[in-house]
Amino acid sequence: MKQSHIVTKDSDMLAPQWLALRINYRTIRFVYRVIDGASHLKGVMIGDEIAEIGDAVCFDGKRLSVERR
């Protein structure tokens, strides 16, 4: 069963359980940017790829992938 999650600006707080369990800050992590002293979510980094806001992060039971808009 393939599960997917659309990356939004609140994805760091509202990540589904299957994504939150796999965040280990080396291969899967949240990427932020600082704008006027406040940090905003830029996307989710999976390996070498960044899923930006609006992209989908998919999980097929074994591995995570990024689907572009």
N, C-alpha and C. Protein backbone atom coordinates (compact mmCIF):
# COMPACT_ATOMS: atom_id res chain seq x y z
N MET A 1 0.84 -1.17 0.00
CA MET A 1 0.00 0.00 0.00
C MET A 1 0.88 1.24 0.00
N LYS A 2 0.69 2.11 -0.95
CA LYS A 2 1.49 3.32 -1.08
C LYS A 2 0.83 4.47 -0.31
N GLN A 3 1.59 5.08 0.57
CA GLN A 3 1.10 6.22 1.34
C GLN A 3 1.84 7.46 0.87
N SER A 4 1.16 8.60 0.88
CA SER A 4 1.82 9.82 0.46
C SER A 4 1.43 10.97 1.37
N HIS A 5 2.29 11.97 1.40
CA HIS A 5 2.07 13.16 2.21
C HIS A 5 2.54 14.36 1.41
N ILE A 6 1.69 15.35 1.24
CA ILE A 6 2.04 16.59 0.56
C ILE A 6 2.76 17.49 1.57
N VAL A 7 3.94 17.97 1.21
CA VAL A 7 4.72 18.82 2.10
C VAL A 7 4.09 20.21 2.13
N THR A 8 3.75 20.68 3.32
CA THR A 8 3.20 22.01 3.53
C THR A 8 4.10 22.77 4.48
N LYS A 9 3.77 24.02 4.74
CA LYS A 9 4.62 24.81 5.65
C LYS A 9 4.52 24.34 7.09
N ASP A 10 3.52 23.49 7.41
CA ASP A 10 3.36 22.95 8.77
C ASP A 10 3.75 21.48 8.86
N SER A 11 4.42 20.93 7.87
CA SER A 11 4.73 19.51 7.84
C SER A 11 5.66 19.07 8.97
N ASP A 12 6.46 19.98 9.49
CA ASP A 12 7.34 19.58 10.59
C ASP A 12 6.54 19.30 11.86
N MET A 13 5.38 19.92 12.02
CA MET A 13 4.54 19.69 13.19
C MET A 13 3.46 18.65 12.93
N LEU A 14 3.02 18.52 11.67
CA LEU A 14 1.88 17.66 11.34
C LEU A 14 2.28 16.46 10.48
N ALA A 15 3.50 16.02 10.59
CA ALA A 15 3.97 14.88 9.78
C ALA A 15 3.23 13.62 10.18
N PRO A 16 2.86 12.79 9.21
CA PRO A 16 2.20 11.52 9.56
C PRO A 16 3.17 10.61 10.30
N GLN A 17 2.62 9.62 10.99
CA GLN A 17 3.41 8.75 11.84
C GLN A 17 4.49 7.99 11.06
N TRP A 18 4.20 7.52 9.85
CA TRP A 18 5.17 6.76 9.08
C TRP A 18 6.36 7.62 8.66
N LEU A 19 6.17 8.94 8.51
CA LEU A 19 7.29 9.83 8.18
C LEU A 19 8.04 10.25 9.44
N ALA A 20 7.32 10.53 10.50
CA ALA A 20 7.95 10.98 11.75
C ALA A 20 8.84 9.90 12.35
N LEU A 21 8.48 8.64 12.20
CA LEU A 21 9.30 7.54 12.75
C LEU A 21 10.63 7.38 12.03
N ARG A 22 10.71 7.82 10.78
CA ARG A 22 11.91 7.60 9.97
C ARG A 22 12.87 8.79 9.96
N ILE A 23 12.55 9.86 10.65
CA ILE A 23 13.43 11.03 10.68
C ILE A 23 14.60 10.72 11.61
N ASN A 24 15.80 10.67 11.06
CA ASN A 24 16.98 10.38 11.87
C ASN A 24 18.04 11.47 11.73
N TYR A 25 17.72 12.56 11.06
CA TYR A 25 18.58 13.74 10.91
C TYR A 25 19.86 13.48 10.14
N ARG A 26 19.99 12.31 9.47
CA ARG A 26 21.09 12.07 8.55
C ARG A 26 20.56 11.85 7.14
N THR A 27 19.67 10.89 6.99
CA THR A 27 19.12 10.62 5.66
C THR A 27 17.79 11.30 5.43
N ILE A 28 16.99 11.46 6.47
CA ILE A 28 15.70 12.15 6.36
C ILE A 28 15.67 13.26 7.40
N ARG A 29 15.47 14.48 6.92
CA ARG A 29 15.44 15.61 7.84
C ARG A 29 14.65 16.76 7.25
N PHE A 30 14.25 17.68 8.11
CA PHE A 30 13.56 18.89 7.67
C PHE A 30 14.60 19.98 7.42
N VAL A 31 14.42 20.73 6.33
CA VAL A 31 15.34 21.79 5.95
C VAL A 31 14.63 23.12 6.15
N TYR A 32 15.28 24.01 6.89
CA TYR A 32 14.70 25.31 7.19
C TYR A 32 15.52 26.42 6.54
N ARG A 33 14.89 27.58 6.35
CA ARG A 33 15.60 28.77 5.94
C ARG A 33 15.19 29.91 6.88
N VAL A 34 16.09 30.83 7.11
CA VAL A 34 15.84 31.93 8.02
C VAL A 34 15.51 33.18 7.21
N ILE A 35 14.33 33.72 7.45
CA ILE A 35 13.88 34.93 6.78
C ILE A 35 13.52 35.94 7.86
N ASP A 36 14.26 37.04 7.91
CA ASP A 36 14.05 38.10 8.90
C ASP A 36 14.06 37.58 10.33
N GLY A 37 14.92 36.66 10.64
CA GLY A 37 15.08 36.16 11.99
C GLY A 37 14.15 35.02 12.35
N ALA A 38 13.22 34.67 11.50
CA ALA A 38 12.30 33.57 11.77
C ALA A 38 12.63 32.41 10.83
N SER A 39 12.55 31.21 11.35
CA SER A 39 12.84 30.05 10.50
C SER A 39 11.56 29.53 9.89
N HIS A 40 11.62 29.24 8.60
CA HIS A 40 10.50 28.72 7.84
C HIS A 40 10.92 27.41 7.19
N LEU A 41 9.99 26.47 7.09
CA LEU A 41 10.29 25.18 6.49
C LEU A 41 10.50 25.34 4.99
N LYS A 42 11.62 24.83 4.50
CA LYS A 42 11.91 24.86 3.07
C LYS A 42 11.49 23.56 2.40
N GLY A 43 11.66 22.45 3.11
CA GLY A 43 11.29 21.16 2.56
C GLY A 43 11.77 20.01 3.42
N VAL A 44 11.61 18.81 2.90
CA VAL A 44 12.06 17.58 3.56
C VAL A 44 13.15 16.97 2.70
N MET A 45 14.31 16.73 3.29
CA MET A 45 15.43 16.14 2.56
C MET A 45 15.44 14.63 2.79
N ILE A 46 15.39 13.89 1.69
CA ILE A 46 15.45 12.43 1.73
C ILE A 46 16.66 12.02 0.91
N GLY A 47 17.71 11.63 1.59
CA GLY A 47 18.95 11.30 0.90
C GLY A 47 19.54 12.55 0.28
N ASP A 48 19.60 12.60 -1.06
CA ASP A 48 20.14 13.76 -1.76
C ASP A 48 19.05 14.66 -2.31
N GLU A 49 17.80 14.23 -2.26
CA GLU A 49 16.69 14.98 -2.84
C GLU A 49 15.96 15.80 -1.79
N ILE A 50 15.47 16.96 -2.21
CA ILE A 50 14.67 17.79 -1.33
C ILE A 50 13.25 17.86 -1.88
N ALA A 51 12.28 17.48 -1.06
CA ALA A 51 10.88 17.64 -1.41
C ALA A 51 10.45 19.01 -0.89
N GLU A 52 10.27 19.95 -1.80
CA GLU A 52 9.90 21.30 -1.41
C GLU A 52 8.41 21.36 -1.12
N ILE A 53 7.94 22.53 -0.68
CA ILE A 53 6.54 22.71 -0.36
C ILE A 53 5.71 22.50 -1.62
N GLY A 54 4.72 21.64 -1.52
CA GLY A 54 3.87 21.29 -2.66
C GLY A 54 4.22 19.94 -3.26
N ASP A 55 5.41 19.43 -3.01
CA ASP A 55 5.81 18.11 -3.50
C ASP A 55 5.24 17.04 -2.57
N ALA A 56 5.22 15.80 -3.04
CA ALA A 56 4.70 14.69 -2.25
C ALA A 56 5.84 13.76 -1.84
N VAL A 57 5.80 13.31 -0.60
CA VAL A 57 6.71 12.30 -0.09
C VAL A 57 5.92 11.01 -0.03
N CYS A 58 6.40 9.96 -0.71
CA CYS A 58 5.67 8.70 -0.80
C CYS A 58 6.44 7.58 -0.10
N PHE A 59 5.69 6.67 0.50
CA PHE A 59 6.26 5.51 1.18
C PHE A 59 5.54 4.27 0.68
N ASP A 60 6.30 3.30 0.12
CA ASP A 60 5.68 2.10 -0.45
C ASP A 60 5.84 0.87 0.44
N GLY A 61 6.24 1.04 1.66
CA GLY A 61 6.43 -0.07 2.57
C GLY A 61 7.89 -0.40 2.81
N LYS A 62 8.77 -0.03 1.87
CA LYS A 62 10.20 -0.29 2.00
C LYS A 62 11.03 0.98 1.93
N ARG A 63 10.68 1.89 1.02
CA ARG A 63 11.52 3.06 0.83
C ARG A 63 10.68 4.31 0.60
N LEU A 64 11.31 5.44 0.86
CA LEU A 64 10.68 6.75 0.66
C LEU A 64 11.12 7.31 -0.69
N SER A 65 10.23 8.04 -1.33
CA SER A 65 10.56 8.71 -2.59
C SER A 65 9.88 10.05 -2.64
N VAL A 66 10.32 10.88 -3.60
CA VAL A 66 9.78 12.24 -3.78
C VAL A 66 9.08 12.30 -5.12
N GLU A 67 7.86 12.82 -5.12
CA GLU A 67 7.14 13.08 -6.37
C GLU A 67 6.99 14.59 -6.51
N ARG A 68 7.43 15.10 -7.63
CA ARG A 68 7.37 16.54 -7.87
C ARG A 68 5.95 16.97 -8.20
N ARG A 69 5.68 18.25 -8.06
CA ARG A 69 4.35 18.79 -8.35
C ARG A 69 3.98 18.60 -9.78
